[in-house]
Amino acid sequence: GAVSNTFTFTITSTEPALGEASILAYPNPTTGRLEIALDHPAKGQLEVNVYDMLGKNWIAASFQKATDRADYTLDLDNLPNALYFVRIQVAGYQQVLKVVKE
């Protein structure tokens, strides 16, 4: 019989999502620079991690979030072209976005 090369990935989290937060990551797809716009009342240490499909952590960045609305720039220039998961965490909340680097 034929061998199936189909894989299913399930991303799960035990932490709550950001709820009413507005998070935009653009441009998507990107050729290098990724702008992240976050609108959420939580303040403090903001952690941003970029993972590939195999779970390798390519970027780990942290920022101080002092206002409800904040904008950040990630440089993906040195990453291979692929699909990535961008995990954004602040004050116990978490959101994961899919981003394509091309």
PDB file of N, CA and C in Angstrom:
ATOM      1  N   GLY A   1       0.812  -1.191   0.000  1.00  0.00           N
ATOM      2  CA  GLY A   1       0.000   0.000   0.000  1.00  0.00           C
ATOM      3  C   GLY A   1       0.855   1.254   0.000  1.00  0.00           C
ATOM      4  N   ALA A   2       0.206   2.354  -0.259  1.00  0.00           N
ATOM      5  CA  ALA A   2       0.899   3.642  -0.295  1.00  0.00           C
ATOM      6  C   ALA A   2       1.192   4.120   1.127  1.00  0.00           C
ATOM      7  N   VAL A   3       2.296   4.824   1.258  1.00  0.00           N
ATOM      8  CA  VAL A   3       2.673   5.403   2.541  1.00  0.00           C
ATOM      9  C   VAL A   3       2.168   6.850   2.575  1.00  0.00           C
ATOM     10  N   SER A   4       1.490   7.206   3.651  1.00  0.00           N
ATOM     11  CA  SER A   4       0.969   8.562   3.774  1.00  0.00           C
ATOM     12  C   SER A   4       2.034   9.481   4.354  1.00  0.00           C
ATOM     13  N   ASN A   5       2.231  10.627   3.721  1.00  0.00           N
ATOM     14  CA  ASN A   5       3.161  11.635   4.221  1.00  0.00           C
ATOM     15  C   ASN A   5       2.407  12.825   4.803  1.00  0.00           C
ATOM     16  N   THR A   6       1.178  12.581   5.260  1.00  0.00           N
ATOM     17  CA  THR A   6       0.361  13.648   5.816  1.00  0.00           C
ATOM     18  C   THR A   6       0.560  13.713   7.322  1.00  0.00           C
ATOM     19  N   PHE A   7       0.856  14.910   7.834  1.00  0.00           N
ATOM     20  CA  PHE A   7       1.051  15.102   9.253  1.00  0.00           C
ATOM     21  C   PHE A   7       0.072  16.153   9.746  1.00  0.00           C
ATOM     22  N   THR A   8      -0.411  15.984  10.941  1.00  0.00           N
ATOM     23  CA  THR A   8      -1.302  16.958  11.554  1.00  0.00           C
ATOM     24  C   THR A   8      -0.618  17.522  12.786  1.00  0.00           C
ATOM     25  N   PHE A   9      -0.524  18.857  12.859  1.00  0.00           N
ATOM     26  CA  PHE A   9       0.066  19.529  14.007  1.00  0.00           C
ATOM     27  C   PHE A   9      -1.043  20.211  14.794  1.00  0.00           C
ATOM     28  N   THR A  10      -1.047  20.008  16.090  1.00  0.00           N
ATOM     29  CA  THR A  10      -2.008  20.669  16.956  1.00  0.00           C
ATOM     30  C   THR A  10      -1.235  21.519  17.948  1.00  0.00           C
ATOM     31  N   ILE A  11      -1.533  22.805  17.971  1.00  0.00           N
ATOM     32  CA  ILE A  11      -0.877  23.724  18.902  1.00  0.00           C
ATOM     33  C   ILE A  11      -1.833  23.930  20.063  1.00  0.00           C
ATOM     34  N   THR A  12      -1.384  23.595  21.267  1.00  0.00           N
ATOM     35  CA  THR A  12      -2.248  23.746  22.432  1.00  0.00           C
ATOM     36  C   THR A  12      -1.553  24.620  23.464  1.00  0.00           C
ATOM     37  N   SER A  13      -2.338  25.183  24.336  1.00  0.00           N
ATOM     38  CA  SER A  13      -1.794  26.039  25.386  1.00  0.00           C
ATOM     39  C   SER A  13      -2.630  25.862  26.639  1.00  0.00           C
ATOM     40  N   THR A  14      -1.974  25.863  27.782  1.00  0.00           N
ATOM     41  CA  THR A  14      -2.701  25.812  29.046  1.00  0.00           C
ATOM     42  C   THR A  14      -2.999  27.211  29.558  1.00  0.00           C
ATOM     43  N   GLU A  15      -2.437  28.224  28.888  1.00  0.00           N
ATOM     44  CA  GLU A  15      -2.661  29.604  29.296  1.00  0.00           C
ATOM     45  C   GLU A  15      -3.834  30.190  28.521  1.00  0.00           C
ATOM     46  N   PRO A  16      -4.538  31.151  29.123  1.00  0.00           N
ATOM     47  CA  PRO A  16      -5.653  31.767  28.397  1.00  0.00           C
ATOM     48  C   PRO A  16      -5.155  32.603  27.221  1.00  0.00           C
ATOM     49  N   ALA A  17      -5.978  32.714  26.221  1.00  0.00           N
ATOM     50  CA  ALA A  17      -5.645  33.584  25.090  1.00  0.00           C
ATOM     51  C   ALA A  17      -5.806  35.035  25.539  1.00  0.00           C
ATOM     52  N   LEU A  18      -5.419  35.949  24.681  1.00  0.00           N
ATOM     53  CA  LEU A  18      -5.468  37.358  25.056  1.00  0.00           C
ATOM     54  C   LEU A  18      -6.885  37.923  25.139  1.00  0.00           C
ATOM     55  N   GLY A  19      -7.873  37.129  24.789  1.00  0.00           N
ATOM     56  CA  GLY A  19      -9.253  37.571  24.952  1.00  0.00           C
ATOM     57  C   GLY A  19      -9.602  38.679  23.981  1.00  0.00           C
ATOM     58  N   GLU A  20      -9.897  39.856  24.503  1.00  0.00           N
ATOM     59  CA  GLU A  20     -10.342  40.971  23.682  1.00  0.00           C
ATOM     60  C   GLU A  20      -9.190  41.724  23.026  1.00  0.00           C
ATOM     61  N   ALA A  21      -7.999  41.171  23.107  1.00  0.00           N
ATOM     62  CA  ALA A  21      -6.836  41.851  22.541  1.00  0.00           C
ATOM     63  C   ALA A  21      -6.929  41.922  21.027  1.00  0.00           C
ATOM     64  N   SER A  22      -6.353  42.977  20.498  1.00  0.00           N
ATOM     65  CA  SER A  22      -6.195  43.109  19.056  1.00  0.00           C
ATOM     66  C   SER A  22      -4.710  42.986  18.749  1.00  0.00           C
ATOM     67  N   ILE A  23      -4.360  41.963  17.974  1.00  0.00           N
ATOM     68  CA  ILE A  23      -2.971  41.773  17.578  1.00  0.00           C
ATOM     69  C   ILE A  23      -2.924  41.663  16.065  1.00  0.00           C
ATOM     70  N   LEU A  24      -2.108  42.512  15.456  1.00  0.00           N
ATOM     71  CA  LEU A  24      -1.894  42.457  14.018  1.00  0.00           C
ATOM     72  C   LEU A  24      -0.416  42.203  13.768  1.00  0.00           C
ATOM     73  N   ALA A  25      -0.125  41.319  12.809  1.00  0.00           N
ATOM     74  CA  ALA A  25       1.247  41.095  12.368  1.00  0.00           C
ATOM     75  C   ALA A  25       1.249  41.309  10.855  1.00  0.00           C
ATOM     76  N   TYR A  26       2.025  42.265  10.386  1.00  0.00           N
ATOM     77  CA  TYR A  26       2.005  42.613   8.967  1.00  0.00           C
ATOM     78  C   TYR A  26       3.373  43.105   8.531  1.00  0.00           C
ATOM     79  N   PRO A  27       3.755  43.065   7.283  1.00  0.00           N
ATOM     80  CA  PRO A  27       3.012  42.357   6.231  1.00  0.00           C
ATOM     81  C   PRO A  27       3.120  40.849   6.425  1.00  0.00           C
ATOM     82  N   ASN A  28       2.115  40.135   5.989  1.00  0.00           N
ATOM     83  CA  ASN A  28       2.103  38.682   6.093  1.00  0.00           C
ATOM     84  C   ASN A  28       1.480  38.131   4.822  1.00  0.00           C
ATOM     85  N   PRO A  29       2.298  37.533   3.948  1.00  0.00           N
ATOM     86  CA  PRO A  29       3.699  37.144   4.128  1.00  0.00           C
ATOM     87  C   PRO A  29       4.653  38.334   4.143  1.00  0.00           C
ATOM     88  N   THR A  30       5.830  38.096   4.739  1.00  0.00           N
ATOM     89  CA  THR A  30       6.848  39.133   4.841  1.00  0.00           C
ATOM     90  C   THR A  30       8.136  38.667   4.167  1.00  0.00           C
ATOM     91  N   THR A  31       8.948  39.616   3.749  1.00  0.00           N
ATOM     92  CA  THR A  31      10.260  39.288   3.192  1.00  0.00           C
ATOM     93  C   THR A  31      11.361  39.534   4.218  1.00  0.00           C
ATOM     94  N   GLY A  32      11.004  40.078   5.389  1.00  0.00           N
ATOM     95  CA  GLY A  32      12.029  40.341   6.394  1.00  0.00           C
ATOM     96  C   GLY A  32      11.483  40.998   7.641  1.00  0.00           C
ATOM     97  N   ARG A  33      11.072  42.253   7.521  1.00  0.00           N
ATOM     98  CA  ARG A  33      10.566  42.979   8.687  1.00  0.00           C
ATOM     99  C   ARG A  33       9.114  42.607   8.953  1.00  0.00           C
ATOM    100  N   LEU A  34       8.821  42.321  10.221  1.00  0.00           N
ATOM    101  CA  LEU A  34       7.460  42.008  10.635  1.00  0.00           C
ATOM    102  C   LEU A  34       7.048  43.012  11.697  1.00  0.00           C
ATOM    103  N   GLU A  35       5.987  43.750  11.429  1.00  0.00           N
ATOM    104  CA  GLU A  35       5.460  44.724  12.377  1.00  0.00           C
ATOM    105  C   GLU A  35       4.372  44.050  13.209  1.00  0.00           C
ATOM    106  N   ILE A  36       4.434  44.239  14.513  1.00  0.00           N
ATOM    107  CA  ILE A  36       3.420  43.686  15.411  1.00  0.00           C
ATOM    108  C   ILE A  36       2.755  44.845  16.138  1.00  0.00           C
ATOM    109  N   ALA A  37       1.446  44.940  16.010  1.00  0.00           N
ATOM    110  CA  ALA A  37       0.662  45.966  16.695  1.00  0.00           C
ATOM    111  C   ALA A  37      -0.221  45.256  17.721  1.00  0.00           C
ATOM    112  N   LEU A  38      -0.043  45.608  18.977  1.00  0.00           N
ATOM    113  CA  LEU A  38      -0.754  44.953  20.066  1.00  0.00           C
ATOM    114  C   LEU A  38      -1.578  45.979  20.820  1.00  0.00           C
ATOM    115  N   ASP A  39      -2.877  45.703  20.960  1.00  0.00           N
ATOM    116  CA  ASP A  39      -3.764  46.575  21.714  1.00  0.00           C
ATOM    117  C   ASP A  39      -4.419  45.734  22.809  1.00  0.00           C
ATOM    118  N   HIS A  40      -3.909  45.855  24.037  1.00  0.00           N
ATOM    119  CA  HIS A  40      -4.388  45.062  25.161  1.00  0.00           C
ATOM    120  C   HIS A  40      -4.000  45.792  26.446  1.00  0.00           C
ATOM    121  N   PRO A  41      -4.855  45.794  27.460  1.00  0.00           N
ATOM    122  CA  PRO A  41      -4.552  46.568  28.665  1.00  0.00           C
ATOM    123  C   PRO A  41      -3.397  46.023  29.512  1.00  0.00           C
ATOM    124  N   ALA A  42      -3.008  44.755  29.327  1.00  0.00           N
ATOM    125  CA  ALA A  42      -1.925  44.190  30.136  1.00  0.00           C
ATOM    126  C   ALA A  42      -0.618  44.946  29.898  1.00  0.00           C
ATOM    127  N   LYS A  43       0.124  45.149  30.979  1.00  0.00           N
ATOM    128  CA  LYS A  43       1.396  45.860  30.879  1.00  0.00           C
ATOM    129  C   LYS A  43       2.485  45.032  31.538  1.00  0.00           C
ATOM    130  N   GLY A  44       3.739  45.328  31.198  1.00  0.00           N
ATOM    131  CA  GLY A  44       4.864  44.615  31.787  1.00  0.00           C
ATOM    132  C   GLY A  44       5.752  44.025  30.720  1.00  0.00           C
ATOM    133  N   GLN A  45       6.399  42.917  31.069  1.00  0.00           N
ATOM    134  CA  GLN A  45       7.336  42.256  30.162  1.00  0.00           C
ATOM    135  C   GLN A  45       6.567  41.533  29.057  1.00  0.00           C
ATOM    136  N   LEU A  46       6.834  41.910  27.823  1.00  0.00           N
ATOM    137  CA  LEU A  46       6.219  41.273  26.661  1.00  0.00           C
ATOM    138  C   LEU A  46       7.253  40.351  26.038  1.00  0.00           C
ATOM    139  N   GLU A  47       6.900  39.064  25.909  1.00  0.00           N
ATOM    140  CA  GLU A  47       7.810  38.075  25.318  1.00  0.00           C
ATOM    141  C   GLU A  47       7.300  37.702  23.933  1.00  0.00           C
ATOM    142  N   VAL A  48       8.205  37.730  22.957  1.00  0.00           N
ATOM    143  CA  VAL A  48       7.867  37.339  21.589  1.00  0.00           C
ATOM    144  C   VAL A  48       8.825  36.231  21.171  1.00  0.00           C
ATOM    145  N   ASN A  49       8.273  35.086  20.764  1.00  0.00           N
ATOM    146  CA  ASN A  49       9.079  33.956  20.303  1.00  0.00           C
ATOM    147  C   ASN A  49       8.618  33.548  18.918  1.00  0.00           C
ATOM    148  N   VAL A  50       9.580  33.213  18.057  1.00  0.00           N
ATOM    149  CA  VAL A  50       9.281  32.773  16.699  1.00  0.00           C
ATOM    150  C   VAL A  50       9.763  31.335  16.561  1.00  0.00           C
ATOM    151  N   TYR A  51       8.826  30.432  16.260  1.00  0.00           N
ATOM    152  CA  TYR A  51       9.111  29.008  16.128  1.00  0.00           C
ATOM    153  C   TYR A  51       8.825  28.551  14.708  1.00  0.00           C
ATOM    154  N   ASP A  52       9.562  27.513  14.259  1.00  0.00           N
ATOM    155  CA  ASP A  52       9.233  26.903  12.969  1.00  0.00           C
ATOM    156  C   ASP A  52       8.311  25.702  13.204  1.00  0.00           C
ATOM    157  N   MET A  53       7.960  24.996  12.131  1.00  0.00           N
ATOM    158  CA  MET A  53       7.024  23.866  12.216  1.00  0.00           C
ATOM    159  C   MET A  53       7.558  22.729  13.088  1.00  0.00           C
ATOM    160  N   LEU A  54       8.888  22.642  13.260  1.00  0.00           N
ATOM    161  CA  LEU A  54       9.483  21.582  14.065  1.00  0.00           C
ATOM    162  C   LEU A  54       9.650  21.989  15.528  1.00  0.00           C
ATOM    163  N   GLY A  55       9.267  23.229  15.842  1.00  0.00           N
ATOM    164  CA  GLY A  55       9.356  23.697  17.211  1.00  0.00           C
ATOM    165  C   GLY A  55      10.659  24.380  17.557  1.00  0.00           C
ATOM    166  N   LYS A  56      11.538  24.579  16.560  1.00  0.00           N
ATOM    167  CA  LYS A  56      12.799  25.281  16.816  1.00  0.00           C
ATOM    168  C   LYS A  56      12.512  26.754  17.081  1.00  0.00           C
ATOM    169  N   ASN A  57      13.101  27.287  18.162  1.00  0.00           N
ATOM    170  CA  ASN A  57      12.913  28.693  18.518  1.00  0.00           C
ATOM    171  C   ASN A  57      13.971  29.530  17.805  1.00  0.00           C
ATOM    172  N   TRP A  58      13.564  30.292  16.775  1.00  0.00           N
ATOM    173  CA  TRP A  58      14.479  31.100  15.964  1.00  0.00           C
ATOM    174  C   TRP A  58      14.729  32.464  16.581  1.00  0.00           C
ATOM    175  N   ILE A  59      13.713  33.033  17.226  1.00  0.00           N
ATOM    176  CA  ILE A  59      13.847  34.368  17.803  1.00  0.00           C
ATOM    177  C   ILE A  59      13.187  34.370  19.172  1.00  0.00           C
ATOM    178  N   ALA A  60      13.886  34.924  20.153  1.00  0.00           N
ATOM    179  CA  ALA A  60      13.322  35.162  21.479  1.00  0.00           C
ATOM    180  C   ALA A  60      13.615  36.616  21.813  1.00  0.00           C
ATOM    181  N   ALA A  61      12.579  37.429  21.884  1.00  0.00           N
ATOM    182  CA  ALA A  61      12.756  38.862  22.143  1.00  0.00           C
ATOM    183  C   ALA A  61      11.845  39.260  23.295  1.00  0.00           C
ATOM    184  N   SER A  62      12.257  40.287  24.009  1.00  0.00           N
ATOM    185  CA  SER A  62      11.395  40.807  25.066  1.00  0.00           C
ATOM    186  C   SER A  62      11.379  42.331  24.992  1.00  0.00           C
ATOM    187  N   PHE A  63      10.237  42.877  25.326  1.00  0.00           N
ATOM    188  CA  PHE A  63      10.015  44.316  25.289  1.00  0.00           C
ATOM    189  C   PHE A  63       9.281  44.714  26.565  1.00  0.00           C
ATOM    190  N   GLN A  64       9.393  45.976  26.944  1.00  0.00           N
ATOM    191  CA  GLN A  64       8.580  46.501  28.037  1.00  0.00           C
ATOM    192  C   GLN A  64       7.326  47.130  27.438  1.00  0.00           C
ATOM    193  N   LYS A  65       6.171  46.689  27.907  1.00  0.00           N
ATOM    194  CA  LYS A  65       4.893  47.227  27.427  1.00  0.00           C
ATOM    195  C   LYS A  65       4.318  48.109  28.523  1.00  0.00           C
ATOM    196  N   ALA A  66       4.285  49.417  28.269  1.00  0.00           N
ATOM    197  CA  ALA A  66       3.854  50.375  29.292  1.00  0.00           C
ATOM    198  C   ALA A  66       2.523  51.035  28.954  1.00  0.00           C
ATOM    199  N   THR A  67       2.014  50.801  27.748  1.00  0.00           N
ATOM    200  CA  THR A  67       0.759  51.428  27.321  1.00  0.00           C
ATOM    201  C   THR A  67      -0.175  50.349  26.777  1.00  0.00           C
ATOM    202  N   ASP A  68      -1.472  50.686  26.652  1.00  0.00           N
ATOM    203  CA  ASP A  68      -2.428  49.721  26.104  1.00  0.00           C
ATOM    204  C   ASP A  68      -2.056  49.338  24.674  1.00  0.00           C
ATOM    205  N   ARG A  69      -1.695  50.351  23.893  1.00  0.00           N
ATOM    206  CA  ARG A  69      -1.366  50.135  22.480  1.00  0.00           C
ATOM    207  C   ARG A  69       0.154  50.190  22.327  1.00  0.00           C
ATOM    208  N   ALA A  70       0.725  49.181  21.685  1.00  0.00           N
ATOM    209  CA  ALA A  70       2.172  49.155  21.497  1.00  0.00           C
ATOM    210  C   ALA A  70       2.498  48.532  20.143  1.00  0.00           C
ATOM    211  N   ASP A  71       3.579  49.022  19.543  1.00  0.00           N
ATOM    212  CA  ASP A  71       4.022  48.531  18.235  1.00  0.00           C
ATOM    213  C   ASP A  71       5.468  48.055  18.341  1.00  0.00           C
ATOM    214  N   TYR A  72       5.745  46.914  17.732  1.00  0.00           N
ATOM    215  CA  TYR A  72       7.079  46.323  17.780  1.00  0.00           C
ATOM    216  C   TYR A  72       7.474  45.874  16.383  1.00  0.00           C
ATOM    217  N   THR A  73       8.779  45.814  16.125  1.00  0.00           N
ATOM    218  CA  THR A  73       9.286  45.341  14.846  1.00  0.00           C
ATOM    219  C   THR A  73      10.199  44.143  15.085  1.00  0.00           C
ATOM    220  N   LEU A  74       9.955  43.060  14.362  1.00  0.00           N
ATOM    221  CA  LEU A  74      10.830  41.890  14.390  1.00  0.00           C
ATOM    222  C   LEU A  74      11.564  41.806  13.060  1.00  0.00           C
ATOM    223  N   ASP A  75      12.833  41.443  13.108  1.00  0.00           N
ATOM    224  CA  ASP A  75      13.644  41.284  11.902  1.00  0.00           C
ATOM    225  C   ASP A  75      13.770  39.801  11.593  1.00  0.00           C
ATOM    226  N   LEU A  76      13.090  39.359  10.534  1.00  0.00           N
ATOM    227  CA  LEU A  76      13.123  37.953  10.124  1.00  0.00           C
ATOM    228  C   LEU A  76      14.056  37.733   8.935  1.00  0.00           C
ATOM    229  N   ASP A  77      14.878  38.734   8.602  1.00  0.00           N
ATOM    230  CA  ASP A  77      15.751  38.655   7.426  1.00  0.00           C
ATOM    231  C   ASP A  77      16.606  37.404   7.397  1.00  0.00           C
ATOM    232  N   ASN A  78      17.153  36.998   8.545  1.00  0.00           N
ATOM    233  CA  ASN A  78      18.087  35.875   8.577  1.00  0.00           C
ATOM    234  C   ASN A  78      17.422  34.511   8.688  1.00  0.00           C
ATOM    235  N   LEU A  79      16.087  34.483   8.697  1.00  0.00           N
ATOM    236  CA  LEU A  79      15.382  33.207   8.790  1.00  0.00           C
ATOM    237  C   LEU A  79      15.137  32.637   7.398  1.00  0.00           C
ATOM    238  N   PRO A  80      15.211  31.300   7.267  1.00  0.00           N
ATOM    239  CA  PRO A  80      14.867  30.684   5.982  1.00  0.00           C
ATOM    240  C   PRO A  80      13.398  30.939   5.637  1.00  0.00           C
ATOM    241  N   ASN A  81      13.082  30.916   4.359  1.00  0.00           N
ATOM    242  CA  ASN A  81      11.697  31.084   3.930  1.00  0.00           C
ATOM    243  C   ASN A  81      10.883  29.883   4.397  1.00  0.00           C
ATOM    244  N   ALA A  82       9.835  30.145   5.171  1.00  0.00           N
ATOM    245  CA  ALA A  82       9.027  29.063   5.736  1.00  0.00           C
ATOM    246  C   ALA A  82       7.823  29.656   6.462  1.00  0.00           C
ATOM    247  N   LEU A  83       6.977  28.763   7.001  1.00  0.00           N
ATOM    248  CA  LEU A  83       5.874  29.148   7.870  1.00  0.00           C
ATOM    249  C   LEU A  83       6.398  29.170   9.303  1.00  0.00           C
ATOM    250  N   TYR A  84       6.087  30.227  10.046  1.00  0.00           N
ATOM    251  CA  TYR A  84       6.515  30.355  11.429  1.00  0.00           C
ATOM    252  C   TYR A  84       5.319  30.641  12.326  1.00  0.00           C
ATOM    253  N   PHE A  85       5.479  30.307  13.596  1.00  0.00           N
ATOM    254  CA  PHE A  85       4.493  30.633  14.618  1.00  0.00           C
ATOM    255  C   PHE A  85       5.110  31.697  15.512  1.00  0.00           C
ATOM    256  N   VAL A  86       4.426  32.829  15.633  1.00  0.00           N
ATOM    257  CA  VAL A  86       4.891  33.926  16.476  1.00  0.00           C
ATOM    258  C   VAL A  86       4.040  33.909  17.739  1.00  0.00           C
ATOM    259  N   ARG A  87       4.685  33.593  18.877  1.00  0.00           N
ATOM    260  CA  ARG A  87       3.976  33.540  20.155  1.00  0.00           C
ATOM    261  C   ARG A  87       4.239  34.832  20.913  1.00  0.00           C
ATOM    262  N   ILE A  88       3.151  35.492  21.323  1.00  0.00           N
ATOM    263  CA  ILE A  88       3.219  36.750  22.044  1.00  0.00           C
ATOM    264  C   ILE A  88       2.627  36.517  23.428  1.00  0.00           C
ATOM    265  N   GLN A  89       3.409  36.826  24.465  1.00  0.00           N
ATOM    266  CA  GLN A  89       2.960  36.619  25.834  1.00  0.00           C
ATOM    267  C   GLN A  89       3.172  37.900  26.632  1.00  0.00           C
ATOM    268  N   VAL A  90       2.169  38.251  27.445  1.00  0.00           N
ATOM    269  CA  VAL A  90       2.301  39.394  28.349  1.00  0.00           C
ATOM    270  C   VAL A  90       1.346  39.178  29.521  1.00  0.00           C
ATOM    271  N   ALA A  91       1.863  39.338  30.720  1.00  0.00           N
ATOM    272  CA  ALA A  91       1.050  39.280  31.953  1.00  0.00           C
ATOM    273  C   ALA A  91       0.192  38.017  32.019  1.00  0.00           C
ATOM    274  N   GLY A  92       0.745  36.870  31.654  1.00  0.00           N
ATOM    275  CA  GLY A  92       0.007  35.611  31.756  1.00  0.00           C
ATOM    276  C   GLY A  92      -0.908  35.316  30.586  1.00  0.00           C
ATOM    277  N   TYR A  93      -0.987  36.210  29.608  1.00  0.00           N
ATOM    278  CA  TYR A  93      -1.803  35.993  28.415  1.00  0.00           C
ATOM    279  C   TYR A  93      -0.913  35.608  27.246  1.00  0.00           C
ATOM    280  N   GLN A  94      -1.507  34.905  26.297  1.00  0.00           N
ATOM    281  CA  GLN A  94      -0.720  34.395  25.173  1.00  0.00           C
ATOM    282  C   GLN A  94      -1.556  34.358  23.903  1.00  0.00           C
ATOM    283  N   GLN A  95      -0.887  34.622  22.793  1.00  0.00           N
ATOM    284  CA  GLN A  95      -1.520  34.516  21.473  1.00  0.00           C
ATOM    285  C   GLN A  95      -0.480  33.975  20.511  1.00  0.00           C
ATOM    286  N   VAL A  96      -0.883  33.097  19.614  1.00  0.00           N
ATOM    287  CA  VAL A  96       0.024  32.551  18.603  1.00  0.00           C
ATOM    288  C   VAL A  96      -0.504  32.927  17.223  1.00  0.00           C
ATOM    289  N   LEU A  97       0.370  33.525  16.406  1.00  0.00           N
ATOM    290  CA  LEU A  97       0.013  33.930  15.052  1.00  0.00           C
ATOM    291  C   LEU A  97       0.845  33.147  14.051  1.00  0.00           C
ATOM    292  N   LYS A  98       0.260  32.809  12.915  1.00  0.00           N
ATOM    293  CA  LYS A  98       1.009  32.175  11.820  1.00  0.00           C
ATOM    294  C   LYS A  98       1.529  33.261  10.889  1.00  0.00           C
ATOM    295  N   VAL A  99       2.818  33.174  10.555  1.00  0.00           N
ATOM    296  CA  VAL A  99       3.434  34.160   9.681  1.00  0.00           C
ATOM    297  C   VAL A  99       4.271  33.423   8.637  1.00  0.00           C
ATOM    298  N   VAL A 100       4.192  33.876   7.392  1.00  0.00           N
ATOM    299  CA  VAL A 100       4.972  33.286   6.305  1.00  0.00           C
ATOM    300  C   VAL A 100       6.118  34.215   5.955  1.00  0.00           C
ATOM    301  N   LYS A 101       7.332  33.665   5.942  1.00  0.00           N
ATOM    302  CA  LYS A 101       8.522  34.403   5.487  1.00  0.00           C
ATOM    303  C   LYS A 101       8.833  33.911   4.086  1.00  0.00           C
ATOM    304  N   GLU A 102       8.916  34.841   3.122  1.00  0.00           N
ATOM    305  CA  GLU A 102       9.201  34.423   1.729  1.00  0.00           C
ATOM    306  C   GLU A 102      10.261  35.290   1.113  1.00  0.00           C
TER     307      GLU A 102
END
